[in-house]
Amino acid sequence: ETLDCISLDTKFSLSNISQLNQNICFQGNLDPLILLGGGEELKNKAME
């Protein structure tokens, strides 16, 4: 009840967010390896 935001790890599938409490903020969840790699994959994943 007293949580305002849940941070999602890299393995958390975004297709499951509807199952979480919808009254709080979500934080995350780009894979640090994609950030490490850079390039188009990074931009595409950020957009997703």
All heavy atoms as atom14 arrays in JSON, in Angstrom:
{
  "sequence": "ETLDCISLDTKFSLSNISQLNQNICFQGNLDPLILLGGGEELKNKAME",
  "atom14_mask": [
    [1, 1, 1, 1, 1, 1, 1, 1, 1, 0, 0, 0, 0, 0],
    [1, 1, 1, 1, 1, 1, 1, 0, 0, 0, 0, 0, 0, 0],
    [1, 1, 1, 1, 1, 1, 1, 1, 0, 0, 0, 0, 0, 0],
    [1, 1, 1, 1, 1, 1, 1, 1, 0, 0, 0, 0, 0, 0],
    [1, 1, 1, 1, 1, 1, 0, 0, 0, 0, 0, 0, 0, 0],
    [1, 1, 1, 1, 1, 1, 1, 1, 0, 0, 0, 0, 0, 0],
    [1, 1, 1, 1, 1, 1, 0, 0, 0, 0, 0, 0, 0, 0],
    [1, 1, 1, 1, 1, 1, 1, 1, 0, 0, 0, 0, 0, 0],
    [1, 1, 1, 1, 1, 1, 1, 1, 0, 0, 0, 0, 0, 0],
    [1, 1, 1, 1, 1, 1, 1, 0, 0, 0, 0, 0, 0, 0],
    [1, 1, 1, 1, 1, 1, 1, 1, 1, 0, 0, 0, 0, 0],
    [1, 1, 1, 1, 1, 1, 1, 1, 1, 1, 1, 0, 0, 0],
    [1, 1, 1, 1, 1, 1, 0, 0, 0, 0, 0, 0, 0, 0],
    [1, 1, 1, 1, 1, 1, 1, 1, 0, 0, 0, 0, 0, 0],
    [1, 1, 1, 1, 1, 1, 0, 0, 0, 0, 0, 0, 0, 0],
    [1, 1, 1, 1, 1, 1, 1, 1, 0, 0, 0, 0, 0, 0],
    [1, 1, 1, 1, 1, 1, 1, 1, 0, 0, 0, 0, 0, 0],
    [1, 1, 1, 1, 1, 1, 0, 0, 0, 0, 0, 0, 0, 0],
    [1, 1, 1, 1, 1, 1, 1, 1, 1, 0, 0, 0, 0, 0],
    [1, 1, 1, 1, 1, 1, 1, 1, 0, 0, 0, 0, 0, 0],
    [1, 1, 1, 1, 1, 1, 1, 1, 0, 0, 0, 0, 0, 0],
    [1, 1, 1, 1, 1, 1, 1, 1, 1, 0, 0, 0, 0, 0],
    [1, 1, 1, 1, 1, 1, 1, 1, 0, 0, 0, 0, 0, 0],
    [1, 1, 1, 1, 1, 1, 1, 1, 0, 0, 0, 0, 0, 0],
    [1, 1, 1, 1, 1, 1, 0, 0, 0, 0, 0, 0, 0, 0],
    [1, 1, 1, 1, 1, 1, 1, 1, 1, 1, 1, 0, 0, 0],
    [1, 1, 1, 1, 1, 1, 1, 1, 1, 0, 0, 0, 0, 0],
    [1, 1, 1, 1, 0, 0, 0, 0, 0, 0, 0, 0, 0, 0],
    [1, 1, 1, 1, 1, 1, 1, 1, 0, 0, 0, 0, 0, 0],
    [1, 1, 1, 1, 1, 1, 1, 1, 0, 0, 0, 0, 0, 0],
    [1, 1, 1, 1, 1, 1, 1, 1, 0, 0, 0, 0, 0, 0],
    [1, 1, 1, 1, 1, 1, 1, 0, 0, 0, 0, 0, 0, 0],
    [1, 1, 1, 1, 1, 1, 1, 1, 0, 0, 0, 0, 0, 0],
    [1, 1, 1, 1, 1, 1, 1, 1, 0, 0, 0, 0, 0, 0],
    [1, 1, 1, 1, 1, 1, 1, 1, 0, 0, 0, 0, 0, 0],
    [1, 1, 1, 1, 1, 1, 1, 1, 0, 0, 0, 0, 0, 0],
    [1, 1, 1, 1, 0, 0, 0, 0, 0, 0, 0, 0, 0, 0],
    [1, 1, 1, 1, 0, 0, 0, 0, 0, 0, 0, 0, 0, 0],
    [1, 1, 1, 1, 0, 0, 0, 0, 0, 0, 0, 0, 0, 0],
    [1, 1, 1, 1, 1, 1, 1, 1, 1, 0, 0, 0, 0, 0],
    [1, 1, 1, 1, 1, 1, 1, 1, 1, 0, 0, 0, 0, 0],
    [1, 1, 1, 1, 1, 1, 1, 1, 0, 0, 0, 0, 0, 0],
    [1, 1, 1, 1, 1, 1, 1, 1, 1, 0, 0, 0, 0, 0],
    [1, 1, 1, 1, 1, 1, 1, 1, 0, 0, 0, 0, 0, 0],
    [1, 1, 1, 1, 1, 1, 1, 1, 1, 0, 0, 0, 0, 0],
    [1, 1, 1, 1, 1, 0, 0, 0, 0, 0, 0, 0, 0, 0],
    [1, 1, 1, 1, 1, 1, 1, 1, 0, 0, 0, 0, 0, 0],
    [1, 1, 1, 1, 1, 1, 1, 1, 1, 0, 0, 0, 0, 0]
  ],
  "atom14_positions": [
    [[0.8, -1.24, 0.0], [0.0, 0.0, 0.0], [0.82, 1.27, 0.0], [0.42, 2.28, -0.58], [-0.93, 0.01, 1.22], [-2.29, -0.57, 0.93], [-3.24, -0.41, 2.1], [-3.37, 0.73, 2.6], [-3.82, -1.42, 2.52], [0.0, 0.0, 0.0], [0.0, 0.0, 0.0], [0.0, 0.0, 0.0], [0.0, 0.0, 0.0], [0.0, 0.0, 0.0]],
    [[1.96, 1.23, 0.69], [2.76, 2.46, 0.82], [3.89, 2.52, -0.2], [4.85, 3.27, -0.03], [3.31, 2.57, 2.26], [3.69, 1.26, 2.71], [2.26, 3.13, 3.2], [0.0, 0.0, 0.0], [0.0, 0.0, 0.0], [0.0, 0.0, 0.0], [0.0, 0.0, 0.0], [0.0, 0.0, 0.0], [0.0, 0.0, 0.0], [0.0, 0.0, 0.0]],
    [[3.77, 1.76, -1.28], [4.75, 1.81, -2.36], [4.21, 2.7, -3.48], [3.06, 2.54, -3.9], [5.01, 0.39, -2.91], [6.23, 0.22, -3.81], [7.52, 0.33, -3.0], [6.19, -1.11, -4.53], [0.0, 0.0, 0.0], [0.0, 0.0, 0.0], [0.0, 0.0, 0.0], [0.0, 0.0, 0.0], [0.0, 0.0, 0.0], [0.0, 0.0, 0.0]],
    [[5.04, 3.65, -3.94], [4.62, 4.56, -5.01], [5.06, 4.08, -6.39], [4.5, 4.48, -7.4], [5.22, 5.95, -4.78], [4.67, 6.6, -3.53], [3.44, 6.69, -3.41], [5.48, 6.99, -2.66], [0.0, 0.0, 0.0], [0.0, 0.0, 0.0], [0.0, 0.0, 0.0], [0.0, 0.0, 0.0], [0.0, 0.0, 0.0], [0.0, 0.0, 0.0]],
    [[6.11, 3.25, -6.42], [6.69, 2.88, -7.71], [7.38, 1.53, -7.58], [8.01, 1.24, -6.55], [7.72, 3.95, -8.11], [8.63, 3.62, -9.63], [0.0, 0.0, 0.0], [0.0, 0.0, 0.0], [0.0, 0.0, 0.0], [0.0, 0.0, 0.0], [0.0, 0.0, 0.0], [0.0, 0.0, 0.0], [0.0, 0.0, 0.0], [0.0, 0.0, 0.0]],
    [[7.28, 0.71, -8.62], [8.02, -0.55, -8.64], [9.0, -0.53, -9.8], [8.66, -0.14, -10.92], [7.07, -1.77, -8.7], [7.85, -3.05, -8.4], [6.3, -1.87, -10.02], [7.0, -4.21, -7.91], [0.0, 0.0, 0.0], [0.0, 0.0, 0.0], [0.0, 0.0, 0.0], [0.0, 0.0, 0.0], [0.0, 0.0, 0.0], [0.0, 0.0, 0.0]],
    [[10.24, -0.88, -9.5], [11.29, -0.92, -10.5], [11.36, -2.31, -11.09], [11.41, -3.3, -10.35], [12.63, -0.53, -9.85], [13.52, -0.02, -10.81], [0.0, 0.0, 0.0], [0.0, 0.0, 0.0], [0.0, 0.0, 0.0], [0.0, 0.0, 0.0], [0.0, 0.0, 0.0], [0.0, 0.0, 0.0], [0.0, 0.0, 0.0], [0.0, 0.0, 0.0]],
    [[11.35, -2.4, -12.41], [11.28, -3.69, -13.11], [12.68, -4.09, -13.58], [13.39, -3.28, -14.17], [10.33, -3.58, -14.3], [8.95, -3.0, -13.99], [8.16, -2.77, -15.27], [8.18, -3.89, -13.02], [0.0, 0.0, 0.0], [0.0, 0.0, 0.0], [0.0, 0.0, 0.0], [0.0, 0.0, 0.0], [0.0, 0.0, 0.0], [0.0, 0.0, 0.0]],
    [[13.04, -5.34, -13.33], [14.36, -5.79, -13.76], [14.35, -6.14, -15.25], [13.31, -6.16, -15.91], [14.84, -6.98, -12.91], [13.96, -8.2, -13.07], [13.86, -8.71, -14.21], [13.37, -8.67, -12.08], [0.0, 0.0, 0.0], [0.0, 0.0, 0.0], [0.0, 0.0, 0.0], [0.0, 0.0, 0.0], [0.0, 0.0, 0.0], [0.0, 0.0, 0.0]],
    [[15.53, -6.41, -15.77], [15.72, -6.69, -17.2], [14.9, -7.89, -17.67], [14.4, -7.91, -18.79], [17.22, -6.94, -17.46], [17.92, -5.74, -17.11], [17.5, -7.28, -18.89], [0.0, 0.0, 0.0], [0.0, 0.0, 0.0], [0.0, 0.0, 0.0], [0.0, 0.0, 0.0], [0.0, 0.0, 0.0], [0.0, 0.0, 0.0], [0.0, 0.0, 0.0]],
    [[14.76, -8.9, -16.81], [14.07, -10.13, -17.21], [12.55, -9.99, -17.16], [11.84, -10.86, -17.65], [14.5, -11.3, -16.3], [15.94, -11.72, -16.53], [16.31, -12.88, -15.61], [17.77, -13.29, -15.82], [18.19, -14.34, -14.88], [0.0, 0.0, 0.0], [0.0, 0.0, 0.0], [0.0, 0.0, 0.0], [0.0, 0.0, 0.0], [0.0, 0.0, 0.0]],
    [[12.07, -8.92, -16.56], [10.62, -8.75, -16.44], [10.02, -8.48, -17.82], [10.4, -7.54, -18.5], [10.27, -7.59, -15.49], [8.8, -7.47, -15.21], [8.24, -8.1, -14.11], [7.97, -6.74, -16.05], [6.88, -8.01, -13.85], [6.62, -6.66, -15.8], [6.07, -7.29, -14.7], [0.0, 0.0, 0.0], [0.0, 0.0, 0.0], [0.0, 0.0, 0.0]],
    [[9.07, -9.32, -18.24], [8.46, -9.16, -19.56], [7.4, -8.06, -19.5], [6.46, -8.13, -18.7], [7.81, -10.47, -20.01], [7.07, -10.24, -21.18], [0.0, 0.0, 0.0], [0.0, 0.0, 0.0], [0.0, 0.0, 0.0], [0.0, 0.0, 0.0], [0.0, 0.0, 0.0], [0.0, 0.0, 0.0], [0.0, 0.0, 0.0], [0.0, 0.0, 0.0]],
    [[7.55, -7.06, -20.36], [6.61, -5.93, -20.34], [5.2, -6.35, -20.75], [4.24, -5.61, -20.5], [7.12, -4.8, -21.25], [8.45, -4.16, -20.79], [8.82, -3.01, -21.69], [8.38, -3.7, -19.34], [0.0, 0.0, 0.0], [0.0, 0.0, 0.0], [0.0, 0.0, 0.0], [0.0, 0.0, 0.0], [0.0, 0.0, 0.0], [0.0, 0.0, 0.0]],
    [[5.06, -7.54, -21.31], [3.71, -8.04, -21.63], [2.92, -8.36, -20.36], [1.71, -8.55, -20.41], [3.81, -9.3, -22.51], [4.49, -10.33, -21.81], [0.0, 0.0, 0.0], [0.0, 0.0, 0.0], [0.0, 0.0, 0.0], [0.0, 0.0, 0.0], [0.0, 0.0, 0.0], [0.0, 0.0, 0.0], [0.0, 0.0, 0.0], [0.0, 0.0, 0.0]],
    [[3.63, -8.39, -19.21], [2.96, -8.73, -17.94], [2.6, -7.52, -17.08], [2.13, -7.69, -15.96], [3.85, -9.67, -17.12], [3.94, -11.05, -17.75], [2.97, -11.55, -18.31], [5.12, -11.65, -17.68], [0.0, 0.0, 0.0], [0.0, 0.0, 0.0], [0.0, 0.0, 0.0], [0.0, 0.0, 0.0], [0.0, 0.0, 0.0], [0.0, 0.0, 0.0]],
    [[2.85, -6.3, -17.58], [2.64, -5.14, -16.68], [1.18, -4.97, -16.27], [0.9, -4.42, -15.21], [3.19, -3.81, -17.25], [2.55, -3.5, -18.59], [4.69, -3.8, -17.29], [2.76, -2.06, -19.02], [0.0, 0.0, 0.0], [0.0, 0.0, 0.0], [0.0, 0.0, 0.0], [0.0, 0.0, 0.0], [0.0, 0.0, 0.0], [0.0, 0.0, 0.0]],
    [[0.25, -5.47, -17.08], [-1.17, -5.31, -16.73], [-1.54, -6.1, -15.47], [-2.55, -5.83, -14.84], [-2.05, -5.76, -17.89], [-1.83, -7.13, -18.16], [0.0, 0.0, 0.0], [0.0, 0.0, 0.0], [0.0, 0.0, 0.0], [0.0, 0.0, 0.0], [0.0, 0.0, 0.0], [0.0, 0.0, 0.0], [0.0, 0.0, 0.0], [0.0, 0.0, 0.0]],
    [[-0.68, -7.06, -15.1], [-0.95, -7.86, -13.89], [-0.5, -7.16, -12.6], [-0.89, -7.54, -11.51], [-0.27, -9.22, -14.01], [-0.84, -10.05, -15.15], [-0.29, -11.46, -15.16], [-0.31, -12.16, -14.15], [0.21, -11.89, -16.3], [0.0, 0.0, 0.0], [0.0, 0.0, 0.0], [0.0, 0.0, 0.0], [0.0, 0.0, 0.0], [0.0, 0.0, 0.0]],
    [[0.33, -6.14, -12.76], [0.82, -5.41, -11.59], [-0.21, -4.38, -11.15], [-1.12, -4.02, -11.9], [2.14, -4.69, -11.91], [3.31, -5.57, -12.37], [4.53, -4.71, -12.65], [3.65, -6.63, -11.33], [0.0, 0.0, 0.0], [0.0, 0.0, 0.0], [0.0, 0.0, 0.0], [0.0, 0.0, 0.0], [0.0, 0.0, 0.0], [0.0, 0.0, 0.0]],
    [[-0.06, -3.87, -9.94], [-0.91, -2.81, -9.43], [-0.84, -1.61, -10.38], [0.23, -1.04, -10.59], [-0.41, -2.43, -8.03], [-1.21, -1.31, -7.4], [-2.15, -0.78, -8.0], [-0.85, -0.94, -6.19], [0.0, 0.0, 0.0], [0.0, 0.0, 0.0], [0.0, 0.0, 0.0], [0.0, 0.0, 0.0], [0.0, 0.0, 0.0], [0.0, 0.0, 0.0]],
    [[-1.98, -1.24, -10.94], [-2.0, -0.16, -11.95], [-2.04, 1.24, -11.33], [-2.01, 2.24, -12.05], [-3.21, -0.35, -12.88], [-3.15, -1.62, -13.7], [-1.94, -1.68, -14.64], [-1.81, -0.87, -15.54], [-1.04, -2.63, -14.41], [0.0, 0.0, 0.0], [0.0, 0.0, 0.0], [0.0, 0.0, 0.0], [0.0, 0.0, 0.0], [0.0, 0.0, 0.0]],
    [[-2.1, 1.31, -10.01], [-2.19, 2.61, -9.34], [-0.83, 3.17, -8.94], [-0.75, 4.19, -8.26], [-3.08, 2.5, -8.1], [-4.5, 2.15, -8.48], [-5.05, 2.7, -9.43], [-5.09, 1.22, -7.76], [0.0, 0.0, 0.0], [0.0, 0.0, 0.0], [0.0, 0.0, 0.0], [0.0, 0.0, 0.0], [0.0, 0.0, 0.0], [0.0, 0.0, 0.0]],
    [[0.25, 2.47, -9.35], [1.58, 2.97, -9.0], [2.39, 3.23, -10.28], [2.02, 2.8, -11.37], [2.35, 2.01, -8.05], [2.61, 0.65, -8.71], [1.6, 1.84, -6.74], [3.51, -0.26, -7.87], [0.0, 0.0, 0.0], [0.0, 0.0, 0.0], [0.0, 0.0, 0.0], [0.0, 0.0, 0.0], [0.0, 0.0, 0.0], [0.0, 0.0, 0.0]],
    [[3.48, 3.94, -10.09], [4.41, 4.26, -11.18], [5.29, 3.04, -11.46], [5.57, 2.24, -10.56], [5.26, 5.44, -10.71], [6.55, 5.96, -11.86], [0.0, 0.0, 0.0], [0.0, 0.0, 0.0], [0.0, 0.0, 0.0], [0.0, 0.0, 0.0], [0.0, 0.0, 0.0], [0.0, 0.0, 0.0], [0.0, 0.0, 0.0], [0.0, 0.0, 0.0]],
    [[5.71, 2.89, -12.72], [6.66, 1.83, -13.08], [8.01, 2.46, -13.44], [8.05, 3.55, -14.01], [6.15, 1.01, -14.27], [4.85, 0.3, -14.01], [3.85, 0.26, -14.97], [4.61, -0.33, -12.8], [2.64, -0.39, -14.74], [3.42, -0.99, -12.55], [2.43, -1.02, -13.53], [0.0, 0.0, 0.0], [0.0, 0.0, 0.0], [0.0, 0.0, 0.0]],
    [[9.07, 1.77, -13.1], [10.43, 2.25, -13.4], [11.2, 1.15, -14.13], [11.14, -0.01, -13.74], [11.15, 2.63, -12.11], [12.59, 3.12, -12.32], [13.21, 3.65, -11.04], [13.02, 4.8, -10.71], [13.94, 2.81, -10.31], [0.0, 0.0, 0.0], [0.0, 0.0, 0.0], [0.0, 0.0, 0.0], [0.0, 0.0, 0.0], [0.0, 0.0, 0.0]],
    [[11.94, 1.51, -15.15], [12.78, 0.52, -15.83], [12.61, 0.59, -17.33], [12.07, 1.55, -17.86], [0.0, 0.0, 0.0], [0.0, 0.0, 0.0], [0.0, 0.0, 0.0], [0.0, 0.0, 0.0], [0.0, 0.0, 0.0], [0.0, 0.0, 0.0], [0.0, 0.0, 0.0], [0.0, 0.0, 0.0], [0.0, 0.0, 0.0], [0.0, 0.0, 0.0]],
    [[12.93, -0.51, -17.99], [13.69, -1.67, -17.52], [14.68, -2.11, -18.61], [14.84, -3.29, -18.9], [12.76, -2.82, -17.12], [12.09, -3.5, -18.32], [11.86, -2.88, -19.36], [11.78, -4.77, -18.18], [0.0, 0.0, 0.0], [0.0, 0.0, 0.0], [0.0, 0.0, 0.0], [0.0, 0.0, 0.0], [0.0, 0.0, 0.0], [0.0, 0.0, 0.0]],
    [[15.37, -1.14, -19.22], [16.3, -1.44, -20.31], [17.44, -2.34, -19.83], [18.0, -2.1, -18.76], [16.88, -0.15, -20.88], [17.81, -0.33, -22.08], [17.02, -0.58, -23.35], [18.72, 0.86, -22.26], [0.0, 0.0, 0.0], [0.0, 0.0, 0.0], [0.0, 0.0, 0.0], [0.0, 0.0, 0.0], [0.0, 0.0, 0.0], [0.0, 0.0, 0.0]],
    [[17.78, -3.33, -20.63], [18.89, -4.23, -20.31], [20.22, -3.45, -20.38], [20.52, -2.83, -21.41], [18.91, -5.37, -21.34], [19.89, -6.48, -20.97], [20.87, -6.21, -20.26], [19.67, -7.62, -21.43], [0.0, 0.0, 0.0], [0.0, 0.0, 0.0], [0.0, 0.0, 0.0], [0.0, 0.0, 0.0], [0.0, 0.0, 0.0], [0.0, 0.0, 0.0]],
    [[21.01, -3.46, -19.3], [22.31, -2.76, -19.33], [23.22, -3.24, -20.47], [24.06, -2.48, -20.95], [22.93, -3.09, -17.97], [21.78, -3.44, -17.09], [20.75, -4.06, -17.98], [0.0, 0.0, 0.0], [0.0, 0.0, 0.0], [0.0, 0.0, 0.0], [0.0, 0.0, 0.0], [0.0, 0.0, 0.0], [0.0, 0.0, 0.0], [0.0, 0.0, 0.0]],
    [[23.04, -4.48, -20.9], [23.85, -5.0, -22.03], [23.49, -4.32, -23.34], [24.34, -4.11, -24.21], [23.67, -6.51, -22.16], [24.42, -7.36, -21.12], [23.96, -8.81, -21.19], [25.94, -7.27, -21.32], [0.0, 0.0, 0.0], [0.0, 0.0, 0.0], [0.0, 0.0, 0.0], [0.0, 0.0, 0.0], [0.0, 0.0, 0.0], [0.0, 0.0, 0.0]],
    [[22.21, -3.95, -23.5], [21.79, -3.22, -24.7], [22.36, -1.8, -24.68], [22.8, -1.28, -25.7], [20.25, -3.21, -24.83], [19.76, -4.64, -25.15], [19.76, -2.24, -25.9], [18.26, -4.82, -25.22], [0.0, 0.0, 0.0], [0.0, 0.0, 0.0], [0.0, 0.0, 0.0], [0.0, 0.0, 0.0], [0.0, 0.0, 0.0], [0.0, 0.0, 0.0]],
    [[22.4, -1.2, -23.49], [23.04, 0.11, -23.35], [24.53, 0.01, -23.65], [25.1, 0.88, -24.32], [22.82, 0.65, -21.93], [23.45, 2.01, -21.6], [22.96, 3.11, -22.55], [23.18, 2.4, -20.15], [0.0, 0.0, 0.0], [0.0, 0.0, 0.0], [0.0, 0.0, 0.0], [0.0, 0.0, 0.0], [0.0, 0.0, 0.0], [0.0, 0.0, 0.0]],
    [[25.15, -1.04, -23.21], [26.57, -1.29, -23.48], [26.83, -1.41, -24.98], [27.79, -0.86, -25.52], [27.02, -2.57, -22.77], [28.49, -2.97, -22.9], [29.4, -2.06, -22.09], [28.69, -4.42, -22.46], [0.0, 0.0, 0.0], [0.0, 0.0, 0.0], [0.0, 0.0, 0.0], [0.0, 0.0, 0.0], [0.0, 0.0, 0.0], [0.0, 0.0, 0.0]],
    [[25.92, -2.11, -25.66], [26.09, -2.34, -27.1], [25.84, -1.11, -27.96], [26.5, -0.91, -28.99], [0.0, 0.0, 0.0], [0.0, 0.0, 0.0], [0.0, 0.0, 0.0], [0.0, 0.0, 0.0], [0.0, 0.0, 0.0], [0.0, 0.0, 0.0], [0.0, 0.0, 0.0], [0.0, 0.0, 0.0], [0.0, 0.0, 0.0], [0.0, 0.0, 0.0]],
    [[24.88, -0.29, -27.55], [24.59, 0.94, -28.29], [23.92, 0.68, -29.63], [23.3, -0.36, -29.85], [0.0, 0.0, 0.0], [0.0, 0.0, 0.0], [0.0, 0.0, 0.0], [0.0, 0.0, 0.0], [0.0, 0.0, 0.0], [0.0, 0.0, 0.0], [0.0, 0.0, 0.0], [0.0, 0.0, 0.0], [0.0, 0.0, 0.0], [0.0, 0.0, 0.0]],
    [[24.06, 1.65, -30.54], [23.56, 1.5, -31.91], [22.04, 1.53, -32.02], [21.33, 2.0, -31.13], [0.0, 0.0, 0.0], [0.0, 0.0, 0.0], [0.0, 0.0, 0.0], [0.0, 0.0, 0.0], [0.0, 0.0, 0.0], [0.0, 0.0, 0.0], [0.0, 0.0, 0.0], [0.0, 0.0, 0.0], [0.0, 0.0, 0.0], [0.0, 0.0, 0.0]],
    [[21.55, 0.99, -33.14], [20.12, 1.01, -33.44], [19.31, 0.18, -32.45], [18.17, 0.52, -32.13], [19.87, 0.51, -34.87], [20.21, 1.54, -35.94], [19.55, 2.9, -35.73], [18.3, 2.94, -35.64], [20.28, 3.91, -35.63], [0.0, 0.0, 0.0], [0.0, 0.0, 0.0], [0.0, 0.0, 0.0], [0.0, 0.0, 0.0], [0.0, 0.0, 0.0]],
    [[19.9, -0.92, -31.99], [19.18, -1.78, -31.04], [18.82, -0.99, -29.78], [17.73, -1.14, -29.22], [20.02, -3.02, -30.67], [19.21, -4.03, -29.88], [20.02, -5.19, -29.3], [21.26, -5.2, -29.44], [19.4, -6.08, -28.69], [0.0, 0.0, 0.0], [0.0, 0.0, 0.0], [0.0, 0.0, 0.0], [0.0, 0.0, 0.0], [0.0, 0.0, 0.0]],
    [[19.73, -0.14, -29.34], [19.5, 0.68, -28.15], [18.32, 1.62, -28.39], [17.4, 1.7, -27.56], [20.76, 1.48, -27.81], [20.65, 2.52, -26.69], [20.23, 1.88, -25.38], [21.98, 3.26, -26.52], [0.0, 0.0, 0.0], [0.0, 0.0, 0.0], [0.0, 0.0, 0.0], [0.0, 0.0, 0.0], [0.0, 0.0, 0.0], [0.0, 0.0, 0.0]],
    [[18.33, 2.33, -29.51], [17.24, 3.27, -29.81], [15.9, 2.55, -29.95], [14.88, 3.01, -29.44], [17.55, 4.04, -31.1], [18.71, 5.03, -30.97], [18.95, 5.71, -32.3], [20.23, 6.53, -32.28], [20.57, 7.05, -33.61], [0.0, 0.0, 0.0], [0.0, 0.0, 0.0], [0.0, 0.0, 0.0], [0.0, 0.0, 0.0], [0.0, 0.0, 0.0]],
    [[15.92, 1.41, -30.63], [14.68, 0.66, -30.85], [14.08, 0.14, -29.54], [12.88, 0.21, -29.31], [14.92, -0.52, -31.8], [15.25, -0.06, -33.21], [14.96, 1.08, -33.57], [15.87, -0.92, -34.0], [0.0, 0.0, 0.0], [0.0, 0.0, 0.0], [0.0, 0.0, 0.0], [0.0, 0.0, 0.0], [0.0, 0.0, 0.0], [0.0, 0.0, 0.0]],
    [[14.96, -0.37, -28.68], [14.49, -0.91, -27.39], [13.95, 0.22, -26.51], [12.92, 0.06, -25.82], [15.61, -1.65, -26.68], [15.16, -2.47, -25.48], [14.2, -3.59, -25.89], [13.61, -4.28, -24.66], [12.63, -5.29, -25.02], [0.0, 0.0, 0.0], [0.0, 0.0, 0.0], [0.0, 0.0, 0.0], [0.0, 0.0, 0.0], [0.0, 0.0, 0.0]],
    [[14.62, 1.37, -26.54], [14.15, 2.53, -25.76], [12.75, 2.93, -26.23], [11.85, 3.18, -25.42], [15.12, 3.7, -25.91], [0.0, 0.0, 0.0], [0.0, 0.0, 0.0], [0.0, 0.0, 0.0], [0.0, 0.0, 0.0], [0.0, 0.0, 0.0], [0.0, 0.0, 0.0], [0.0, 0.0, 0.0], [0.0, 0.0, 0.0], [0.0, 0.0, 0.0]],
    [[12.55, 2.95, -27.56], [11.24, 3.31, -28.12], [10.16, 2.3, -27.7], [9.04, 2.67, -27.36], [11.3, 3.35, -29.65], [11.91, 4.59, -30.22], [11.02, 6.07, -29.67], [12.3, 6.91, -28.77], [0.0, 0.0, 0.0], [0.0, 0.0, 0.0], [0.0, 0.0, 0.0], [0.0, 0.0, 0.0], [0.0, 0.0, 0.0], [0.0, 0.0, 0.0]],
    [[10.54, 1.03, -27.71], [9.6, -0.02, -27.32], [9.14, 0.17, -25.87], [7.95, 0.07, -25.55], [10.3, -1.38, -27.47], [9.41, -2.59, -27.28], [10.23, -3.88, -27.28], [11.1, -4.05, -28.17], [10.02, -4.7, -26.37], [0.0, 0.0, 0.0], [0.0, 0.0, 0.0], [0.0, 0.0, 0.0], [0.0, 0.0, 0.0], [0.0, 0.0, 0.0]]
  ]
}
